[in-house]
C-alpha cells in the first residue's frame, strides 16, 4: 500500500464487504412478503409453506418432468442468502449468491402465488435489503480498479549539493 491509497483487501474493501454481508444476514429477519398490516420474513414464509404442505396444499411448479415445491425453493433461497452473506464479508463473489437467492424468491413468488393474491401481497423490506446487499457486494468488483490504482512515481530530486547536468544548448544560427 503506497501513501494512503487503498488496495484490494484494504480497509475500504473490507468495510464495504462487512456492510454487504450484514445487510444480507439482517434481511433474513425482515419481512420478505408484505401483506397489508404485517409482513412475513423468509423463515416464516418457509414455515408457512411447510404448514400448507402438511394440509395437502403444497404449492408446486411443474417444469417438464421435474416438480419443484415451494419448500425446496425457499430452502435453496435461504441457503444461498446465508452463504452469500458470509462470503460477502471476505469476497465480492458472495453478491452472486445473494443475487441468485432473491431472483429465485421473486420467480417463485410470481409462479407460486395466485395472480389475484399478488394484487394485495408484495415484496417486503427484507427482499429489498437483500437486493441492496447484492448490489453493494457486486459493486466491489467495480471499485477494484479504483482501489488498485497506484500513484505515479514522482521524479526524485537530486540530493542537496549536487547539480544536475543538462545537455548543452543548441548552437546559435
C-alpha atoms as a PDB file:
ATOM      1  CA  UNK A   1       0.000   0.000   0.000  1.00  0.00           C
ATOM      2  CA  UNK A   2       1.541   3.243  -1.106  1.00  0.00           C
ATOM      3  CA  UNK A   3       0.956   6.585   0.542  1.00  0.00           C
ATOM      4  CA  UNK A   4      -2.609   6.105   1.768  1.00  0.00           C
ATOM      5  CA  UNK A   5      -4.001   4.646  -1.476  1.00  0.00           C
ATOM      6  CA  UNK A   6      -6.334   1.728  -0.614  1.00  0.00           C
ATOM      7  CA  UNK A   7      -5.764  -1.597  -2.340  1.00  0.00           C
ATOM      8  CA  UNK A   8      -7.931  -4.676  -2.774  1.00  0.00           C
ATOM      9  CA  UNK A   9      -8.370  -6.297   0.602  1.00  0.00           C
ATOM     10  CA  UNK A  10      -7.862  -2.929   2.208  1.00  0.00           C
ATOM     11  CA  UNK A  11      -9.957  -1.285   4.864  1.00  0.00           C
ATOM     12  CA  UNK A  12     -12.325   0.242   2.296  1.00  0.00           C
ATOM     13  CA  UNK A  13     -12.891  -3.081   0.523  1.00  0.00           C
ATOM     14  CA  UNK A  14     -13.442  -4.958   3.776  1.00  0.00           C
ATOM     15  CA  UNK A  15     -15.757  -2.300   5.180  1.00  0.00           C
ATOM     16  CA  UNK A  16     -17.948  -2.486   2.077  1.00  0.00           C
ATOM     17  CA  UNK A  17     -17.900  -6.281   2.398  1.00  0.00           C
ATOM     18  CA  UNK A  18     -18.953  -6.139   6.034  1.00  0.00           C
ATOM     19  CA  UNK A  19     -21.829  -3.805   5.139  1.00  0.00           C
ATOM     20  CA  UNK A  20     -22.997  -6.078   2.299  1.00  0.00           C
ATOM     21  CA  UNK A  21     -22.760  -9.240   4.405  1.00  0.00           C
ATOM     22  CA  UNK A  22     -24.556  -7.615   7.326  1.00  0.00           C
ATOM     23  CA  UNK A  23     -27.366  -6.391   5.090  1.00  0.00           C
ATOM     24  CA  UNK A  24     -27.777  -9.913   3.711  1.00  0.00           C
ATOM     25  CA  UNK A  25     -27.965 -11.500   7.156  1.00  0.00           C
ATOM     26  CA  UNK A  26     -30.311  -8.829   8.526  1.00  0.00           C
ATOM     27  CA  UNK A  27     -32.632  -9.240   5.531  1.00  0.00           C
ATOM     28  CA  UNK A  28     -33.441 -12.801   6.633  1.00  0.00           C
ATOM     29  CA  UNK A  29     -35.278 -11.483   9.678  1.00  0.00           C
ATOM     30  CA  UNK A  30     -37.094  -8.603   7.948  1.00  0.00           C
ATOM     31  CA  UNK A  31     -40.372  -9.110   6.049  1.00  0.00           C
ATOM     32  CA  UNK A  32     -39.897 -10.599   2.581  1.00  0.00           C
ATOM     33  CA  UNK A  33     -43.625 -10.785   1.889  1.00  0.00           C
ATOM     34  CA  UNK A  34     -45.662  -7.686   2.667  1.00  0.00           C
ATOM     35  CA  UNK A  35     -49.339  -8.166   3.350  1.00  0.00           C
ATOM     36  CA  UNK A  36     -51.329  -5.066   4.321  1.00  0.00           C
ATOM     37  CA  UNK A  37     -50.985  -4.717   8.065  1.00  0.00           C
ATOM     38  CA  UNK A  38     -47.978  -7.004   8.618  1.00  0.00           C
ATOM     39  CA  UNK A  39     -45.051  -8.713   6.943  1.00  0.00           C
ATOM     40  CA  UNK A  40     -43.659 -12.235   6.880  1.00  0.00           C
ATOM     41  CA  UNK A  41     -39.919 -12.847   6.997  1.00  0.00           C
ATOM     42  CA  UNK A  42     -38.140 -15.538   4.995  1.00  0.00           C
ATOM     43  CA  UNK A  43     -38.119 -18.096   7.820  1.00  0.00           C
ATOM     44  CA  UNK A  44     -41.838 -17.565   8.480  1.00  0.00           C
ATOM     45  CA  UNK A  45     -42.586 -17.971   4.760  1.00  0.00           C
ATOM     46  CA  UNK A  46     -40.725 -21.275   4.898  1.00  0.00           C
ATOM     47  CA  UNK A  47     -42.762 -22.339   7.949  1.00  0.00           C
ATOM     48  CA  UNK A  48     -45.996 -21.244   6.277  1.00  0.00           C
ATOM     49  CA  UNK A  49     -45.347 -23.255   3.113  1.00  0.00           C
ATOM     50  CA  UNK A  50     -44.318 -26.226   5.240  1.00  0.00           C
ATOM     51  CA  UNK A  51     -47.598 -25.901   7.154  1.00  0.00           C
ATOM     52  CA  UNK A  52     -49.559 -25.743   3.892  1.00  0.00           C
ATOM     53  CA  UNK A  53     -47.798 -28.901   2.739  1.00  0.00           C
ATOM     54  CA  UNK A  54     -48.943 -30.726   5.900  1.00  0.00           C
ATOM     55  CA  UNK A  55     -52.542 -29.879   4.985  1.00  0.00           C
ATOM     56  CA  UNK A  56     -52.066 -31.125   1.444  1.00  0.00           C
ATOM     57  CA  UNK A  57     -51.853 -27.675  -0.172  1.00  0.00           C
ATOM     58  CA  UNK A  58     -48.246 -27.827  -1.292  1.00  0.00           C
ATOM     59  CA  UNK A  59     -47.636 -25.170  -3.938  1.00  0.00           C
ATOM     60  CA  UNK A  60     -45.553 -26.772  -6.672  1.00  0.00           C
ATOM     61  CA  UNK A  61     -44.244 -25.837 -10.086  1.00  0.00           C
ATOM     62  CA  UNK A  62     -44.051 -28.409 -12.836  1.00  0.00           C
ATOM     63  CA  UNK A  63     -41.037 -27.856 -15.106  1.00  0.00           C
ATOM     64  CA  UNK A  64     -41.038 -30.638 -17.667  1.00  0.00           C
ATOM     65  CA  UNK A  65     -40.704 -33.876 -15.711  1.00  0.00           C
ATOM     66  CA  UNK A  66     -39.428 -32.120 -12.576  1.00  0.00           C
ATOM     67  CA  UNK A  67     -41.734 -30.874  -9.842  1.00  0.00           C
ATOM     68  CA  UNK A  68     -40.351 -28.179  -7.532  1.00  0.00           C
ATOM     69  CA  UNK A  69     -42.112 -27.449  -4.267  1.00  0.00           C
ATOM     70  CA  UNK A  70     -42.163 -24.066  -2.596  1.00  0.00           C
ATOM     71  CA  UNK A  71     -40.397 -25.513   0.446  1.00  0.00           C
ATOM     72  CA  UNK A  72     -37.459 -26.699  -1.664  1.00  0.00           C
ATOM     73  CA  UNK A  73     -37.236 -23.369  -3.480  1.00  0.00           C
ATOM     74  CA  UNK A  74     -37.396 -21.322  -0.276  1.00  0.00           C
ATOM     75  CA  UNK A  75     -34.840 -23.553   1.429  1.00  0.00           C
ATOM     76  CA  UNK A  76     -32.485 -23.084  -1.517  1.00  0.00           C
ATOM     77  CA  UNK A  77     -33.040 -19.300  -1.388  1.00  0.00           C
ATOM     78  CA  UNK A  78     -32.333 -19.226   2.342  1.00  0.00           C
ATOM     79  CA  UNK A  79     -29.157 -21.303   1.991  1.00  0.00           C
ATOM     80  CA  UNK A  80     -27.922 -19.144  -0.904  1.00  0.00           C
ATOM     81  CA  UNK A  81     -28.652 -15.988   1.081  1.00  0.00           C
ATOM     82  CA  UNK A  82     -26.792 -17.149   4.194  1.00  0.00           C
ATOM     83  CA  UNK A  83     -23.801 -18.475   2.237  1.00  0.00           C
ATOM     84  CA  UNK A  84     -23.671 -15.384   0.035  1.00  0.00           C
ATOM     85  CA  UNK A  85     -23.805 -13.067   3.036  1.00  0.00           C
ATOM     86  CA  UNK A  86     -20.982 -14.894   4.796  1.00  0.00           C
ATOM     87  CA  UNK A  87     -18.849 -14.980   1.638  1.00  0.00           C
ATOM     88  CA  UNK A  88     -19.546 -11.259   1.080  1.00  0.00           C
ATOM     89  CA  UNK A  89     -17.657 -10.475   4.271  1.00  0.00           C
ATOM     90  CA  UNK A  90     -14.486 -11.663   2.514  1.00  0.00           C
ATOM     91  CA  UNK A  91     -15.075 -11.699  -1.257  1.00  0.00           C
ATOM     92  CA  UNK A  92     -17.334  -9.788  -3.651  1.00  0.00           C
ATOM     93  CA  UNK A  93     -18.411 -13.090  -5.240  1.00  0.00           C
ATOM     94  CA  UNK A  94     -20.858 -13.570  -2.354  1.00  0.00           C
ATOM     95  CA  UNK A  95     -23.041 -10.997  -4.082  1.00  0.00           C
ATOM     96  CA  UNK A  96     -23.694 -13.523  -6.852  1.00  0.00           C
ATOM     97  CA  UNK A  97     -25.198 -15.990  -4.362  1.00  0.00           C
ATOM     98  CA  UNK A  98     -27.300 -13.240  -2.771  1.00  0.00           C
ATOM     99  CA  UNK A  99     -28.422 -12.210  -6.252  1.00  0.00           C
ATOM    100  CA  UNK A 100     -29.446 -15.790  -7.047  1.00  0.00           C
ATOM    101  CA  UNK A 101     -31.368 -16.043  -3.771  1.00  0.00           C
ATOM    102  CA  UNK A 102     -33.581 -13.007  -4.318  1.00  0.00           C
ATOM    103  CA  UNK A 103     -34.085 -13.776  -8.024  1.00  0.00           C
ATOM    104  CA  UNK A 104     -35.149 -17.318  -7.084  1.00  0.00           C
ATOM    105  CA  UNK A 105     -37.516 -15.927  -4.463  1.00  0.00           C
ATOM    106  CA  UNK A 106     -39.009 -13.420  -6.912  1.00  0.00           C
ATOM    107  CA  UNK A 107     -39.521 -16.054  -9.606  1.00  0.00           C
ATOM    108  CA  UNK A 108     -41.030 -18.469  -7.096  1.00  0.00           C
ATOM    109  CA  UNK A 109     -43.251 -15.710  -5.716  1.00  0.00           C
ATOM    110  CA  UNK A 110     -44.700 -14.909  -9.109  1.00  0.00           C
ATOM    111  CA  UNK A 111     -45.049 -18.534 -10.170  1.00  0.00           C
ATOM    112  CA  UNK A 112     -46.496 -19.969  -6.956  1.00  0.00           C
ATOM    113  CA  UNK A 113     -48.644 -17.134  -5.606  1.00  0.00           C
ATOM    114  CA  UNK A 114     -52.000 -16.902  -7.413  1.00  0.00           C
ATOM    115  CA  UNK A 115     -52.365 -13.856  -9.631  1.00  0.00           C
ATOM    116  CA  UNK A 116     -55.308 -12.431  -7.712  1.00  0.00           C
ATOM    117  CA  UNK A 117     -53.344 -12.592  -4.439  1.00  0.00           C
ATOM    118  CA  UNK A 118     -50.479 -10.608  -5.984  1.00  0.00           C
ATOM    119  CA  UNK A 119     -52.748  -7.567  -6.044  1.00  0.00           C
ATOM    120  CA  UNK A 120     -52.615  -7.440  -2.244  1.00  0.00           C
ATOM    121  CA  UNK A 121     -49.356  -9.230  -1.451  1.00  0.00           C
ATOM    122  CA  UNK A 122     -45.990  -7.746  -2.400  1.00  0.00           C
ATOM    123  CA  UNK A 123     -42.321  -7.755  -1.543  1.00  0.00           C
ATOM    124  CA  UNK A 124     -41.231  -6.503   1.858  1.00  0.00           C
ATOM    125  CA  UNK A 125     -38.220  -4.660   3.257  1.00  0.00           C
ATOM    126  CA  UNK A 126     -36.158  -7.837   3.703  1.00  0.00           C
ATOM    127  CA  UNK A 127     -36.381  -8.604  -0.002  1.00  0.00           C
ATOM    128  CA  UNK A 128     -35.235  -5.110  -0.932  1.00  0.00           C
ATOM    129  CA  UNK A 129     -32.444  -5.221   1.650  1.00  0.00           C
ATOM    130  CA  UNK A 130     -31.207  -8.457   0.040  1.00  0.00           C
ATOM    131  CA  UNK A 131     -31.266  -6.715  -3.349  1.00  0.00           C
ATOM    132  CA  UNK A 132     -29.241  -3.871  -1.837  1.00  0.00           C
ATOM    133  CA  UNK A 133     -26.778  -6.324  -0.274  1.00  0.00           C
ATOM    134  CA  UNK A 134     -26.150  -7.993  -3.636  1.00  0.00           C
ATOM    135  CA  UNK A 135     -25.659  -4.624  -5.360  1.00  0.00           C
ATOM    136  CA  UNK A 136     -23.216  -3.436  -2.689  1.00  0.00           C
ATOM    137  CA  UNK A 137     -21.275  -6.690  -2.750  1.00  0.00           C
ATOM    138  CA  UNK A 138     -21.075  -6.789  -6.543  1.00  0.00           C
ATOM    139  CA  UNK A 139     -20.116  -3.090  -6.630  1.00  0.00           C
ATOM    140  CA  UNK A 140     -16.833  -4.139  -5.075  1.00  0.00           C
ATOM    141  CA  UNK A 141     -15.890  -5.539  -8.497  1.00  0.00           C
ATOM    142  CA  UNK A 142     -16.432  -2.078  -9.984  1.00  0.00           C
ATOM    143  CA  UNK A 143     -14.431  -0.464  -7.174  1.00  0.00           C
ATOM    144  CA  UNK A 144     -11.427  -2.730  -7.650  1.00  0.00           C
ATOM    145  CA  UNK A 145      -9.772  -0.703 -10.457  1.00  0.00           C
ATOM    146  CA  UNK A 146     -10.022   2.426  -8.341  1.00  0.00           C
ATOM    147  CA  UNK A 147      -8.723   0.656  -5.263  1.00  0.00           C
ATOM    148  CA  UNK A 148      -5.823  -0.923  -7.154  1.00  0.00           C
ATOM    149  CA  UNK A 149      -4.720   2.271  -8.887  1.00  0.00           C
ATOM    150  CA  UNK A 150      -1.182   3.189  -7.880  1.00  0.00           C
ATOM    151  CA  UNK A 151       0.037   6.788  -7.797  1.00  0.00           C
ATOM    152  CA  UNK A 152       2.543   7.878 -10.416  1.00  0.00           C
ATOM    153  CA  UNK A 153       6.078   7.874  -9.085  1.00  0.00           C
ATOM    154  CA  UNK A 154       7.428  11.396  -8.658  1.00  0.00           C
ATOM    155  CA  UNK A 155      10.886  12.016 -10.080  1.00  0.00           C
ATOM    156  CA  UNK A 156      13.486  12.125  -7.380  1.00  0.00           C
ATOM    157  CA  UNK A 157      15.147  15.463  -6.755  1.00  0.00           C
ATOM    158  CA  UNK A 158      18.941  15.341  -6.712  1.00  0.00           C
ATOM    159  CA  UNK A 159      20.482  15.265  -3.254  1.00  0.00           C
ATOM    160  CA  UNK A 160      21.364  18.619  -1.755  1.00  0.00           C
ATOM    161  CA  UNK A 161      24.634  20.000  -3.026  1.00  0.00           C
ATOM    162  CA  UNK A 162      24.692  18.096  -6.291  1.00  0.00           C
ATOM    163  CA  UNK A 163      23.948  19.668  -9.627  1.00  0.00           C
ATOM    164  CA  UNK A 164      22.102  18.104 -12.478  1.00  0.00           C
ATOM    165  CA  UNK A 165      23.946  18.138 -15.770  1.00  0.00           C
ATOM    166  CA  UNK A 166      21.792  19.352 -18.577  1.00  0.00           C
ATOM    167  CA  UNK A 167      22.605  18.784 -22.244  1.00  0.00           C
ATOM    168  CA  UNK A 168      24.342  21.699 -23.873  1.00  0.00           C
ATOM    169  CA  UNK A 169      22.140  24.262 -25.608  1.00  0.00           C
ATOM    170  CA  UNK A 170      21.770  24.010 -29.392  1.00  0.00           C
ATOM    171  CA  UNK A 171      24.220  26.024 -31.425  1.00  0.00           C
ATOM    172  CA  UNK A 172      23.054  29.540 -32.383  1.00  0.00           C
ATOM    173  CA  UNK A 173      22.116  30.196 -36.023  1.00  0.00           C
END
